[in-house]
Amino acid sequence: MKIGVVTFPGSLDDHDARRAVDLCGGEAVALWHRDADLRGVDAVVIPGGFSYGDYLRAGAISRFAPVMTEVLRGAEAGMPVLGICNGFQILCESHLLPGAMIQNDHRTFVCRDQRLRVESTSTAWTGDFEDGEEITIVLKNQDGQFVADADTLDRLEGEGRVVFRYLGANPNGSYRDIAGISNARGNVVGLMPHPEHCVEEGYGPSLDGRRFFTSVLQEMVSA
């Protein structure tokens, strides 16, 4: 199964994401931001970094990259899409996910091993987890505070679309400790922490990141 990983100017974790895909049994395909072609991939990862330098707002310019037109079309047709950190910001700016990402409430960059609770296993990217399971994933962000109005937050909660929640001290002020959400169909997931940094022994605090990629590979086999 082919999983595309988009590279924008300023992407930092695209190579890590491609390596994670390969290590977990998929075939990683590099996608360039200016190309209006997904090269026949079965799923897409939008990685972390500072796309286009995060000018205007984090992810705001990337929304208009030619490749994102194809990502939106694929997502609307059911293709699995995972946005990690800056990728989460891009998915919000593209309106594939609700809410917005703003600067951390403490106004500083945070980098740490972060405990999370798995709130939903019904997405394309979380089927290999257990509901309520606690995992540890690397977190690093500056604009990681997820915000939305009360009605949107209530809808996300009521529809089971909060996928991950921070445990312990909230690292960035995200409303209701939300670390990741999905769209209504469950094929699009955005999260702040970085699973691609938790796929190899000796690198990162756990191997919990592997199951994001094995989940989607299993989802595609079953489809």
N, C-alpha and C. Protein backbone atom coordinates (compact mmCIF):
# COMPACT_ATOMS: atom_id res chain seq x y z
N MET A 1 0.84 -1.20 0.00
CA MET A 1 0.00 0.00 0.00
C MET A 1 0.88 1.25 0.00
N LYS A 2 0.51 2.23 -0.81
CA LYS A 2 1.31 3.44 -0.96
C LYS A 2 0.73 4.57 -0.11
N ILE A 3 1.61 5.17 0.70
CA ILE A 3 1.21 6.31 1.52
C ILE A 3 2.06 7.50 1.10
N GLY A 4 1.40 8.54 0.62
CA GLY A 4 2.12 9.74 0.20
C GLY A 4 2.42 10.64 1.39
N VAL A 5 3.59 11.26 1.36
CA VAL A 5 3.98 12.23 2.39
C VAL A 5 4.32 13.54 1.68
N VAL A 6 3.57 14.58 2.00
CA VAL A 6 3.72 15.86 1.31
C VAL A 6 4.91 16.64 1.89
N THR A 7 5.69 17.24 1.01
CA THR A 7 6.75 18.16 1.43
C THR A 7 6.40 19.57 0.97
N PHE A 8 6.32 20.48 1.92
CA PHE A 8 6.18 21.91 1.65
C PHE A 8 7.51 22.59 1.94
N PRO A 9 7.76 23.79 1.43
CA PRO A 9 8.91 24.55 1.90
C PRO A 9 8.79 24.78 3.40
N GLY A 10 9.75 24.31 4.18
CA GLY A 10 9.68 24.44 5.62
C GLY A 10 9.24 23.18 6.34
N SER A 11 8.86 22.13 5.60
CA SER A 11 8.56 20.86 6.26
C SER A 11 9.81 20.33 6.94
N LEU A 12 9.67 19.80 8.16
CA LEU A 12 10.81 19.30 8.92
C LEU A 12 10.78 17.78 9.09
N ASP A 13 9.58 17.22 9.08
CA ASP A 13 9.44 15.82 9.48
C ASP A 13 8.97 14.92 8.35
N ASP A 14 9.11 15.38 7.11
CA ASP A 14 8.67 14.57 5.98
C ASP A 14 9.51 13.31 5.82
N HIS A 15 10.83 13.43 6.00
CA HIS A 15 11.70 12.25 5.89
C HIS A 15 11.39 11.25 6.99
N ASP A 16 11.15 11.75 8.20
CA ASP A 16 10.80 10.88 9.33
C ASP A 16 9.50 10.14 9.06
N ALA A 17 8.52 10.85 8.50
CA ALA A 17 7.24 10.22 8.20
C ALA A 17 7.38 9.16 7.13
N ARG A 18 8.18 9.43 6.11
CA ARG A 18 8.38 8.42 5.06
C ARG A 18 9.09 7.19 5.63
N ARG A 19 10.06 7.40 6.50
CA ARG A 19 10.75 6.27 7.12
C ARG A 19 9.78 5.46 7.98
N ALA A 20 8.92 6.15 8.71
CA ALA A 20 7.94 5.46 9.55
C ALA A 20 7.02 4.59 8.71
N VAL A 21 6.57 5.12 7.58
CA VAL A 21 5.70 4.35 6.69
C VAL A 21 6.41 3.08 6.23
N ASP A 22 7.66 3.22 5.80
CA ASP A 22 8.41 2.07 5.30
C ASP A 22 8.66 1.05 6.41
N LEU A 23 9.03 1.52 7.59
CA LEU A 23 9.30 0.61 8.71
C LEU A 23 8.07 -0.17 9.12
N CYS A 24 6.90 0.42 8.93
CA CYS A 24 5.66 -0.23 9.35
C CYS A 24 5.01 -1.07 8.26
N GLY A 25 5.69 -1.19 7.12
CA GLY A 25 5.22 -2.11 6.09
C GLY A 25 4.55 -1.50 4.90
N GLY A 26 4.50 -0.17 4.84
CA GLY A 26 3.92 0.49 3.68
C GLY A 26 5.00 0.92 2.70
N GLU A 27 4.58 1.51 1.61
CA GLU A 27 5.50 2.09 0.62
C GLU A 27 5.32 3.60 0.63
N ALA A 28 6.33 4.32 1.10
CA ALA A 28 6.24 5.77 1.18
C ALA A 28 6.49 6.40 -0.18
N VAL A 29 5.68 7.38 -0.52
CA VAL A 29 5.80 8.10 -1.79
C VAL A 29 5.93 9.59 -1.47
N ALA A 30 7.00 10.21 -1.96
CA ALA A 30 7.21 11.64 -1.73
C ALA A 30 6.30 12.45 -2.65
N LEU A 31 5.55 13.38 -2.06
CA LEU A 31 4.68 14.28 -2.82
C LEU A 31 5.18 15.71 -2.63
N TRP A 32 5.25 16.47 -3.70
CA TRP A 32 5.76 17.84 -3.67
C TRP A 32 4.59 18.81 -3.68
N HIS A 33 4.71 19.90 -2.92
CA HIS A 33 3.59 20.83 -2.72
C HIS A 33 3.08 21.45 -4.00
N ARG A 34 3.91 21.56 -5.01
CA ARG A 34 3.51 22.23 -6.25
C ARG A 34 2.90 21.29 -7.27
N ASP A 35 2.88 20.01 -6.97
CA ASP A 35 2.37 19.02 -7.92
C ASP A 35 0.90 18.73 -7.66
N ALA A 36 0.09 18.87 -8.69
CA ALA A 36 -1.34 18.57 -8.57
C ALA A 36 -1.58 17.11 -8.96
N ASP A 37 -0.87 16.21 -8.29
CA ASP A 37 -0.94 14.79 -8.61
C ASP A 37 -0.53 14.00 -7.37
N LEU A 38 -1.39 13.09 -6.92
CA LEU A 38 -1.08 12.29 -5.75
C LEU A 38 -0.38 10.98 -6.09
N ARG A 39 -0.07 10.77 -7.36
CA ARG A 39 0.76 9.65 -7.81
C ARG A 39 0.20 8.29 -7.39
N GLY A 40 -1.09 8.18 -7.37
CA GLY A 40 -1.72 6.90 -7.13
C GLY A 40 -1.63 6.37 -5.72
N VAL A 41 -1.41 7.24 -4.73
CA VAL A 41 -1.28 6.76 -3.35
C VAL A 41 -2.64 6.38 -2.78
N ASP A 42 -2.60 5.55 -1.73
CA ASP A 42 -3.82 5.09 -1.07
C ASP A 42 -4.17 5.92 0.16
N ALA A 43 -3.21 6.68 0.67
CA ALA A 43 -3.41 7.53 1.85
C ALA A 43 -2.36 8.63 1.81
N VAL A 44 -2.56 9.66 2.62
CA VAL A 44 -1.65 10.81 2.63
C VAL A 44 -1.33 11.21 4.07
N VAL A 45 -0.06 11.52 4.31
CA VAL A 45 0.39 12.12 5.56
C VAL A 45 0.85 13.54 5.27
N ILE A 46 0.34 14.50 6.01
CA ILE A 46 0.83 15.88 5.95
C ILE A 46 1.67 16.10 7.19
N PRO A 47 2.98 16.24 7.05
CA PRO A 47 3.89 16.18 8.19
C PRO A 47 4.05 17.51 8.91
N GLY A 48 4.84 17.46 9.97
CA GLY A 48 5.10 18.65 10.78
C GLY A 48 6.19 19.53 10.20
N GLY A 49 6.32 20.70 10.78
CA GLY A 49 7.31 21.67 10.35
C GLY A 49 6.75 23.08 10.41
N PHE A 50 7.25 23.92 9.54
CA PHE A 50 6.81 25.31 9.47
C PHE A 50 6.59 25.66 8.00
N SER A 51 5.55 25.08 7.42
CA SER A 51 5.33 25.23 5.99
C SER A 51 5.22 26.70 5.60
N TYR A 52 5.99 27.05 4.56
CA TYR A 52 6.07 28.44 4.09
C TYR A 52 6.44 29.38 5.23
N GLY A 53 7.20 28.87 6.20
CA GLY A 53 7.64 29.69 7.32
C GLY A 53 6.53 30.06 8.30
N ASP A 54 5.35 29.45 8.13
CA ASP A 54 4.20 29.79 8.97
C ASP A 54 3.86 31.28 8.91
N TYR A 55 4.14 31.91 7.75
CA TYR A 55 3.75 33.30 7.59
C TYR A 55 2.23 33.40 7.54
N LEU A 56 1.68 34.52 7.86
CA LEU A 56 0.25 34.77 8.06
C LEU A 56 -0.22 34.03 9.29
N ARG A 57 -0.53 32.74 9.16
CA ARG A 57 -0.86 31.85 10.27
C ARG A 57 -0.27 30.48 9.94
N ALA A 58 -0.08 29.67 10.96
CA ALA A 58 0.46 28.33 10.72
C ALA A 58 -0.47 27.56 9.78
N GLY A 59 0.08 27.14 8.65
CA GLY A 59 -0.67 26.35 7.68
C GLY A 59 -1.54 27.14 6.72
N ALA A 60 -1.61 28.46 6.88
CA ALA A 60 -2.56 29.25 6.09
C ALA A 60 -2.19 29.30 4.61
N ILE A 61 -0.90 29.38 4.29
CA ILE A 61 -0.49 29.44 2.89
C ILE A 61 -0.56 28.06 2.25
N SER A 62 -0.18 27.04 3.00
CA SER A 62 -0.20 25.67 2.48
C SER A 62 -1.57 25.26 1.98
N ARG A 63 -2.59 25.82 2.58
CA ARG A 63 -3.96 25.52 2.18
C ARG A 63 -4.15 25.69 0.67
N PHE A 64 -3.40 26.61 0.06
CA PHE A 64 -3.59 26.93 -1.35
C PHE A 64 -2.57 26.24 -2.27
N ALA A 65 -1.74 25.38 -1.74
CA ALA A 65 -0.78 24.64 -2.57
C ALA A 65 -1.53 23.71 -3.52
N PRO A 66 -1.03 23.54 -4.75
CA PRO A 66 -1.73 22.68 -5.71
C PRO A 66 -1.99 21.27 -5.18
N VAL A 67 -1.06 20.71 -4.44
CA VAL A 67 -1.27 19.34 -3.96
C VAL A 67 -2.46 19.25 -3.01
N MET A 68 -2.76 20.34 -2.30
CA MET A 68 -3.86 20.29 -1.34
C MET A 68 -5.22 20.21 -2.03
N THR A 69 -5.32 20.71 -3.25
CA THR A 69 -6.56 20.53 -4.00
C THR A 69 -6.85 19.06 -4.19
N GLU A 70 -5.80 18.29 -4.49
CA GLU A 70 -5.96 16.85 -4.67
C GLU A 70 -6.17 16.13 -3.35
N VAL A 71 -5.52 16.60 -2.29
CA VAL A 71 -5.73 15.99 -0.96
C VAL A 71 -7.18 16.19 -0.52
N LEU A 72 -7.72 17.39 -0.72
CA LEU A 72 -9.12 17.65 -0.37
C LEU A 72 -10.05 16.75 -1.17
N ARG A 73 -9.77 16.62 -2.45
CA ARG A 73 -10.63 15.77 -3.29
C ARG A 73 -10.56 14.32 -2.82
N GLY A 74 -9.36 13.85 -2.52
CA GLY A 74 -9.21 12.48 -2.04
C GLY A 74 -9.89 12.26 -0.69
N ALA A 75 -9.71 13.21 0.22
CA ALA A 75 -10.31 13.08 1.55
C ALA A 75 -11.83 13.04 1.46
N GLU A 76 -12.39 13.87 0.62
CA GLU A 76 -13.84 13.89 0.48
C GLU A 76 -14.38 12.60 -0.12
N ALA A 77 -13.51 11.87 -0.86
CA ALA A 77 -13.90 10.58 -1.43
C ALA A 77 -13.61 9.42 -0.48
N GLY A 78 -13.03 9.71 0.70
CA GLY A 78 -12.79 8.67 1.69
C GLY A 78 -11.35 8.27 1.87
N MET A 79 -10.42 8.89 1.16
CA MET A 79 -9.01 8.56 1.33
C MET A 79 -8.54 8.91 2.74
N PRO A 80 -7.80 8.03 3.42
CA PRO A 80 -7.25 8.37 4.74
C PRO A 80 -6.21 9.48 4.64
N VAL A 81 -6.33 10.48 5.50
CA VAL A 81 -5.39 11.59 5.56
C VAL A 81 -5.03 11.83 7.03
N LEU A 82 -3.74 11.91 7.30
CA LEU A 82 -3.25 12.20 8.66
C LEU A 82 -2.46 13.49 8.63
N GLY A 83 -2.85 14.46 9.45
CA GLY A 83 -2.10 15.70 9.60
C GLY A 83 -1.42 15.73 10.95
N ILE A 84 -0.10 15.84 10.95
CA ILE A 84 0.69 15.83 12.18
C ILE A 84 1.24 17.21 12.45
N CYS A 85 0.92 17.80 13.60
CA CYS A 85 1.43 19.10 14.02
C CYS A 85 1.10 20.16 12.97
N ASN A 86 2.06 20.63 12.20
CA ASN A 86 1.77 21.59 11.14
C ASN A 86 0.74 21.04 10.17
N GLY A 87 0.75 19.72 9.98
CA GLY A 87 -0.25 19.09 9.14
C GLY A 87 -1.65 19.23 9.72
N PHE A 88 -1.78 19.16 11.04
CA PHE A 88 -3.06 19.39 11.71
C PHE A 88 -3.51 20.82 11.46
N GLN A 89 -2.59 21.75 11.56
CA GLN A 89 -2.90 23.16 11.30
C GLN A 89 -3.40 23.33 9.86
N ILE A 90 -2.75 22.66 8.92
CA ILE A 90 -3.14 22.76 7.51
C ILE A 90 -4.53 22.17 7.29
N LEU A 91 -4.83 21.06 7.95
CA LEU A 91 -6.16 20.46 7.81
C LEU A 91 -7.25 21.38 8.34
N CYS A 92 -6.96 22.09 9.43
CA CYS A 92 -7.93 23.07 9.95
C CYS A 92 -8.08 24.24 8.99
N GLU A 93 -6.98 24.74 8.47
CA GLU A 93 -7.04 25.85 7.52
C GLU A 93 -7.78 25.45 6.24
N SER A 94 -7.69 24.17 5.88
CA SER A 94 -8.35 23.66 4.68
C SER A 94 -9.81 23.30 4.92
N HIS A 95 -10.25 23.39 6.18
CA HIS A 95 -11.62 23.08 6.58
C HIS A 95 -11.95 21.60 6.43
N LEU A 96 -10.94 20.76 6.36
CA LEU A 96 -11.18 19.33 6.46
C LEU A 96 -11.46 18.94 7.91
N LEU A 97 -10.96 19.75 8.83
CA LEU A 97 -11.24 19.58 10.25
C LEU A 97 -11.69 20.92 10.82
N PRO A 98 -12.56 20.91 11.83
CA PRO A 98 -13.03 22.17 12.42
C PRO A 98 -12.04 22.74 13.42
N GLY A 99 -12.31 23.96 13.86
CA GLY A 99 -11.46 24.60 14.85
C GLY A 99 -10.24 25.25 14.24
N ALA A 100 -9.33 25.67 15.10
CA ALA A 100 -8.12 26.36 14.65
C ALA A 100 -7.00 26.08 15.64
N MET A 101 -5.76 26.27 15.18
CA MET A 101 -4.58 26.13 16.02
C MET A 101 -3.96 27.50 16.20
N ILE A 102 -3.74 27.89 17.44
CA ILE A 102 -3.12 29.17 17.73
C ILE A 102 -1.89 28.95 18.61
N GLN A 103 -1.20 30.05 18.91
CA GLN A 103 0.04 29.97 19.69
C GLN A 103 -0.24 29.37 21.07
N ASN A 104 0.72 28.58 21.55
CA ASN A 104 0.61 28.00 22.88
C ASN A 104 0.28 29.07 23.92
N ASP A 105 -0.51 28.70 24.92
CA ASP A 105 -0.95 29.71 25.89
C ASP A 105 0.20 30.30 26.69
N HIS A 106 1.33 29.57 26.81
CA HIS A 106 2.49 30.10 27.54
C HIS A 106 3.47 30.82 26.62
N ARG A 107 3.11 30.91 25.33
CA ARG A 107 3.87 31.69 24.32
C ARG A 107 5.30 31.19 24.12
N THR A 108 5.56 29.93 24.39
CA THR A 108 6.89 29.37 24.17
C THR A 108 6.78 28.05 23.44
N PHE A 109 7.84 27.67 22.79
CA PHE A 109 7.92 26.38 22.11
C PHE A 109 8.01 25.28 23.18
N VAL A 110 7.31 24.17 22.95
CA VAL A 110 7.36 23.06 23.89
C VAL A 110 7.87 21.82 23.16
N CYS A 111 8.73 21.05 23.83
CA CYS A 111 9.23 19.79 23.28
C CYS A 111 9.36 18.81 24.44
N ARG A 112 8.58 17.72 24.40
CA ARG A 112 8.60 16.78 25.51
C ARG A 112 7.91 15.47 25.10
N ASP A 113 8.13 14.45 25.89
CA ASP A 113 7.40 13.20 25.74
C ASP A 113 6.03 13.39 26.39
N GLN A 114 4.98 13.17 25.63
CA GLN A 114 3.64 13.52 26.07
C GLN A 114 2.75 12.29 26.22
N ARG A 115 2.13 12.16 27.38
CA ARG A 115 1.15 11.11 27.61
C ARG A 115 -0.18 11.51 26.98
N LEU A 116 -0.82 10.54 26.34
CA LEU A 116 -2.11 10.76 25.70
C LEU A 116 -3.07 9.64 26.08
N ARG A 117 -4.35 9.93 26.04
CA ARG A 117 -5.36 8.89 26.14
C ARG A 117 -6.05 8.74 24.79
N VAL A 118 -6.17 7.50 24.34
CA VAL A 118 -6.86 7.21 23.10
C VAL A 118 -8.37 7.28 23.36
N GLU A 119 -9.02 8.22 22.69
CA GLU A 119 -10.45 8.42 22.91
C GLU A 119 -11.31 7.76 21.84
N SER A 120 -10.72 7.46 20.69
CA SER A 120 -11.50 6.83 19.61
C SER A 120 -10.62 5.90 18.80
N THR A 121 -11.10 4.69 18.59
CA THR A 121 -10.39 3.72 17.74
C THR A 121 -11.17 3.48 16.45
N SER A 122 -12.13 4.34 16.16
CA SER A 122 -12.99 4.13 15.00
C SER A 122 -12.55 4.95 13.79
N THR A 123 -11.30 5.42 13.79
CA THR A 123 -10.79 6.14 12.63
C THR A 123 -9.86 5.24 11.83
N ALA A 124 -9.52 5.69 10.63
CA ALA A 124 -8.62 4.92 9.77
C ALA A 124 -7.22 4.81 10.35
N TRP A 125 -6.87 5.70 11.29
CA TRP A 125 -5.51 5.77 11.80
C TRP A 125 -5.37 5.24 13.22
N THR A 126 -6.44 4.74 13.82
CA THR A 126 -6.37 4.35 15.24
C THR A 126 -6.95 2.97 15.53
N GLY A 127 -7.21 2.18 14.51
CA GLY A 127 -7.85 0.89 14.72
C GLY A 127 -7.03 -0.10 15.51
N ASP A 128 -5.71 0.06 15.55
CA ASP A 128 -4.85 -0.88 16.28
C ASP A 128 -4.67 -0.50 17.75
N PHE A 129 -5.31 0.59 18.19
CA PHE A 129 -5.27 0.98 19.60
C PHE A 129 -6.48 0.41 20.33
N GLU A 130 -6.51 0.59 21.63
CA GLU A 130 -7.66 0.23 22.45
C GLU A 130 -8.29 1.51 23.00
N ASP A 131 -9.61 1.55 23.05
CA ASP A 131 -10.28 2.71 23.63
C ASP A 131 -9.84 2.90 25.08
N GLY A 132 -9.46 4.12 25.42
CA GLY A 132 -9.02 4.43 26.78
C GLY A 132 -7.56 4.11 27.05
N GLU A 133 -6.86 3.56 26.08
CA GLU A 133 -5.45 3.22 26.25
C GLU A 133 -4.62 4.48 26.45
N GLU A 134 -3.59 4.39 27.29
CA GLU A 134 -2.66 5.49 27.48
C GLU A 134 -1.37 5.21 26.72
N ILE A 135 -0.94 6.17 25.93
CA ILE A 135 0.28 6.04 25.14
C ILE A 135 1.16 7.25 25.37
N THR A 136 2.41 7.17 24.91
CA THR A 136 3.36 8.28 25.04
C THR A 136 3.96 8.57 23.67
N ILE A 137 3.81 9.81 23.24
CA ILE A 137 4.25 10.25 21.92
C ILE A 137 5.02 11.56 22.07
N VAL A 138 6.03 11.75 21.25
CA VAL A 138 6.79 13.00 21.25
C VAL A 138 5.89 14.17 20.85
N LEU A 139 6.02 15.28 21.56
CA LEU A 139 5.28 16.51 21.26
C LEU A 139 6.27 17.64 21.08
N LYS A 140 6.11 18.43 20.03
CA LYS A 140 6.96 19.62 19.83
C LYS A 140 6.16 20.62 18.99
N ASN A 141 5.86 21.77 19.57
CA ASN A 141 5.09 22.75 18.83
C ASN A 141 5.19 24.13 19.45
N GLN A 142 4.84 25.10 18.64
CA GLN A 142 4.77 26.49 19.09
C GLN A 142 3.35 27.03 18.95
N ASP A 143 2.63 26.54 17.92
CA ASP A 143 1.25 26.95 17.68
C ASP A 143 0.37 25.72 17.82
N GLY A 144 0.37 25.15 19.02
CA GLY A 144 -0.29 23.88 19.24
C GLY A 144 -1.58 23.93 20.01
N GLN A 145 -2.08 25.13 20.29
CA GLN A 145 -3.29 25.26 21.09
C GLN A 145 -4.53 25.13 20.20
N PHE A 146 -5.27 24.03 20.40
CA PHE A 146 -6.48 23.82 19.63
C PHE A 146 -7.63 24.60 20.25
N VAL A 147 -8.30 25.41 19.43
CA VAL A 147 -9.41 26.23 19.92
C VAL A 147 -10.61 26.07 18.99
N ALA A 148 -11.78 26.20 19.57
CA ALA A 148 -13.04 26.17 18.81
C ALA A 148 -14.13 26.73 19.71
N ASP A 149 -15.24 27.13 19.10
CA ASP A 149 -16.35 27.63 19.91
C ASP A 149 -17.02 26.47 20.64
N ALA A 150 -17.84 26.81 21.63
CA ALA A 150 -18.44 25.80 22.50
C ALA A 150 -19.31 24.82 21.72
N ASP A 151 -20.04 25.29 20.72
CA ASP A 151 -20.91 24.41 19.94
C ASP A 151 -20.08 23.39 19.17
N THR A 152 -18.97 23.84 18.59
CA THR A 152 -18.10 22.92 17.85
C THR A 152 -17.49 21.89 18.78
N LEU A 153 -17.02 22.34 19.94
CA LEU A 153 -16.44 21.41 20.91
C LEU A 153 -17.46 20.38 21.37
N ASP A 154 -18.68 20.84 21.64
CA ASP A 154 -19.73 19.91 22.07
C ASP A 154 -20.05 18.91 20.97
N ARG A 155 -20.05 19.37 19.72
CA ARG A 155 -20.33 18.47 18.61
C ARG A 155 -19.22 17.42 18.45
N LEU A 156 -17.98 17.85 18.56
CA LEU A 156 -16.86 16.90 18.49
C LEU A 156 -16.96 15.85 19.59
N GLU A 157 -17.27 16.31 20.79
CA GLU A 157 -17.40 15.38 21.90
C GLU A 157 -18.59 14.44 21.68
N GLY A 158 -19.72 15.00 21.30
CA GLY A 158 -20.93 14.21 21.16
C GLY A 158 -20.87 13.20 20.03
N GLU A 159 -20.11 13.51 18.97
CA GLU A 159 -20.01 12.62 17.83
C GLU A 159 -18.82 11.67 17.93
N GLY A 160 -18.12 11.71 19.06
CA GLY A 160 -16.98 10.82 19.25
C GLY A 160 -15.80 11.14 18.36
N ARG A 161 -15.63 12.41 18.04
CA ARG A 161 -14.57 12.82 17.11
C ARG A 161 -13.33 13.38 17.80
N VAL A 162 -13.32 13.42 19.13
CA VAL A 162 -12.07 13.66 19.85
C VAL A 162 -11.32 12.34 19.86
N VAL A 163 -10.17 12.30 19.24
CA VAL A 163 -9.44 11.04 19.04
C VAL A 163 -8.37 10.84 20.11
N PHE A 164 -7.71 11.93 20.52
CA PHE A 164 -6.69 11.86 21.57
C PHE A 164 -6.86 13.05 22.50
N ARG A 165 -6.52 12.80 23.78
CA ARG A 165 -6.58 13.85 24.77
C ARG A 165 -5.30 13.84 25.59
N TYR A 166 -4.80 15.03 25.93
CA TYR A 166 -3.60 15.14 26.74
C TYR A 166 -3.87 14.64 28.15
N LEU A 167 -2.91 13.94 28.71
CA LEU A 167 -2.94 13.52 30.10
C LEU A 167 -1.86 14.27 30.87
N GLY A 168 -2.08 14.52 32.16
CA GLY A 168 -1.15 15.33 32.93
C GLY A 168 -1.37 16.79 32.62
N ALA A 169 -0.35 17.60 32.82
CA ALA A 169 -0.47 19.03 32.56
C ALA A 169 -0.69 19.29 31.07
N ASN A 170 -1.67 20.14 30.78
CA ASN A 170 -1.94 20.51 29.39
C ASN A 170 -0.73 21.26 28.84
N PRO A 171 -0.10 20.79 27.74
CA PRO A 171 1.16 21.37 27.30
C PRO A 171 1.04 22.67 26.52
N ASN A 172 -0.16 23.01 26.05
CA ASN A 172 -0.27 24.19 25.18
C ASN A 172 -1.58 24.96 25.35
N GLY A 173 -2.43 24.54 26.28
CA GLY A 173 -3.69 25.24 26.51
C GLY A 173 -4.83 24.81 25.63
N SER A 174 -4.67 23.72 24.88
CA SER A 174 -5.74 23.26 23.99
C SER A 174 -7.04 23.08 24.76
N TYR A 175 -8.12 23.55 24.18
CA TYR A 175 -9.42 23.45 24.84
C TYR A 175 -9.76 21.99 25.11
N ARG A 176 -10.26 21.74 26.31
CA ARG A 176 -10.69 20.42 26.76
C ARG A 176 -9.60 19.36 26.61
N ASP A 177 -8.34 19.81 26.66
CA ASP A 177 -7.18 18.91 26.60
C ASP A 177 -7.14 18.10 25.31
N ILE A 178 -7.70 18.64 24.24
CA ILE A 178 -7.77 17.92 22.97
C ILE A 178 -6.42 17.92 22.28
N ALA A 179 -5.94 16.72 21.95
CA ALA A 179 -4.67 16.56 21.24
C ALA A 179 -4.87 16.13 19.79
N GLY A 180 -6.05 15.60 19.47
CA GLY A 180 -6.31 15.15 18.11
C GLY A 180 -7.79 14.95 17.88
N ILE A 181 -8.24 15.21 16.64
CA ILE A 181 -9.65 15.07 16.28
C ILE A 181 -9.75 14.41 14.91
N SER A 182 -10.97 14.04 14.55
CA SER A 182 -11.22 13.47 13.23
C SER A 182 -12.38 14.18 12.56
N ASN A 183 -12.55 13.92 11.27
CA ASN A 183 -13.76 14.37 10.59
C ASN A 183 -14.88 13.38 10.90
N ALA A 184 -16.08 13.66 10.43
CA ALA A 184 -17.22 12.81 10.78
C ALA A 184 -17.07 11.40 10.23
N ARG A 185 -16.45 11.26 9.08
CA ARG A 185 -16.29 9.94 8.45
C ARG A 185 -15.19 9.11 9.10
N GLY A 186 -14.24 9.77 9.75
CA GLY A 186 -13.16 9.08 10.42
C GLY A 186 -11.95 8.77 9.56
N ASN A 187 -11.95 9.22 8.31
CA ASN A 187 -10.78 8.99 7.45
C ASN A 187 -9.73 10.08 7.58
N VAL A 188 -10.11 11.25 8.11
CA VAL A 188 -9.18 12.37 8.28
C VAL A 188 -8.94 12.58 9.77
N VAL A 189 -7.67 12.55 10.17
CA VAL A 189 -7.29 12.75 11.57
C VAL A 189 -6.18 13.79 11.63
N GLY A 190 -6.29 14.70 12.59
CA GLY A 190 -5.22 15.65 12.87
C GLY A 190 -4.82 15.53 14.32
N LEU A 191 -3.52 15.57 14.58
CA LEU A 191 -3.04 15.53 15.96
C LEU A 191 -1.76 16.34 16.08
N MET A 192 -1.52 16.88 17.28
CA MET A 192 -0.33 17.67 17.53
C MET A 192 0.92 16.82 17.76
N PRO A 193 0.88 15.77 18.57
CA PRO A 193 2.09 14.97 18.80
C PRO A 193 2.57 14.26 17.52
N HIS A 194 3.79 13.75 17.57
CA HIS A 194 4.48 13.23 16.39
C HIS A 194 4.69 11.72 16.47
N PRO A 195 3.77 10.92 15.95
CA PRO A 195 3.95 9.46 15.99
C PRO A 195 5.13 8.97 15.16
N GLU A 196 5.52 9.72 14.14
CA GLU A 196 6.64 9.28 13.29
C GLU A 196 7.96 9.25 14.04
N HIS A 197 8.03 9.88 15.22
CA HIS A 197 9.24 9.86 16.04
C HIS A 197 9.22 8.73 17.07
N CYS A 198 8.22 7.88 17.00
CA CYS A 198 8.08 6.80 17.99
C CYS A 198 7.84 5.48 17.29
N VAL A 199 8.76 5.12 16.39
CA VAL A 199 8.59 3.89 15.61
C VAL A 199 9.79 2.97 15.65
N GLU A 200 10.89 3.40 16.30
CA GLU A 200 12.12 2.60 16.32
C GLU A 200 12.66 2.48 17.73
N GLU A 201 13.16 1.30 18.07
CA GLU A 201 13.82 1.11 19.35
C GLU A 201 15.01 2.06 19.48
N GLY A 202 15.12 2.70 20.64
CA GLY A 202 16.24 3.61 20.89
C GLY A 202 16.01 5.02 20.43
N TYR A 203 14.88 5.27 19.75
CA TYR A 203 14.57 6.61 19.26
C TYR A 203 13.16 6.96 19.71
N GLY A 204 13.04 7.89 20.63
CA GLY A 204 11.74 8.26 21.15
C GLY A 204 11.39 7.47 22.40
N PRO A 205 10.34 7.89 23.08
CA PRO A 205 9.99 7.31 24.38
C PRO A 205 9.26 5.98 24.30
N SER A 206 8.80 5.58 23.10
CA SER A 206 7.99 4.37 22.97
C SER A 206 7.98 3.94 21.51
N LEU A 207 7.26 2.87 21.25
CA LEU A 207 6.97 2.45 19.88
C LEU A 207 5.49 2.68 19.56
N ASP A 208 4.84 3.50 20.35
CA ASP A 208 3.40 3.70 20.19
C ASP A 208 3.04 4.33 18.85
N GLY A 209 3.97 5.04 18.24
CA GLY A 209 3.68 5.66 16.95
C GLY A 209 3.47 4.68 15.83
N ARG A 210 4.01 3.47 15.95
CA ARG A 210 3.90 2.48 14.88
C ARG A 210 2.44 2.18 14.54
N ARG A 211 1.59 2.18 15.57
CA ARG A 211 0.22 1.73 15.34
C ARG A 211 -0.64 2.72 14.55
N PHE A 212 -0.21 3.96 14.45
CA PHE A 212 -0.89 4.87 13.54
C PHE A 212 -0.78 4.36 12.10
N PHE A 213 0.42 3.91 11.76
CA PHE A 213 0.69 3.50 10.39
C PHE A 213 0.21 2.08 10.11
N THR A 214 0.34 1.18 11.09
CA THR A 214 -0.20 -0.17 10.89
C THR A 214 -1.72 -0.13 10.83
N SER A 215 -2.32 0.80 11.57
CA SER A 215 -3.79 0.93 11.53
C SER A 215 -4.27 1.27 10.14
N VAL A 216 -3.65 2.26 9.51
CA VAL A 216 -4.14 2.68 8.21
C VAL A 216 -3.82 1.63 7.15
N LEU A 217 -2.70 0.93 7.29
CA LEU A 217 -2.39 -0.13 6.33
C LEU A 217 -3.44 -1.24 6.43
N GLN A 218 -3.82 -1.61 7.64
CA GLN A 218 -4.86 -2.62 7.83
C GLN A 218 -6.20 -2.13 7.29
N GLU A 219 -6.48 -0.85 7.51
CA GLU A 219 -7.72 -0.26 7.00
C GLU A 219 -7.78 -0.36 5.48
N MET A 220 -6.67 -0.11 4.83
CA MET A 220 -6.65 -0.13 3.37
C MET A 220 -6.76 -1.56 2.84
N VAL A 221 -6.18 -2.51 3.54
CA VAL A 221 -6.28 -3.92 3.14
C VAL A 221 -7.73 -4.39 3.24
N SER A 222 -8.41 -3.91 4.30
CA SER A 222 -9.79 -4.35 4.55
C SER A 222 -10.81 -3.67 3.66
N ALA A 223 -10.42 -2.51 3.11
CA ALA A 223 -11.38 -1.72 2.31
C ALA A 223 -11.79 -2.44 1.03
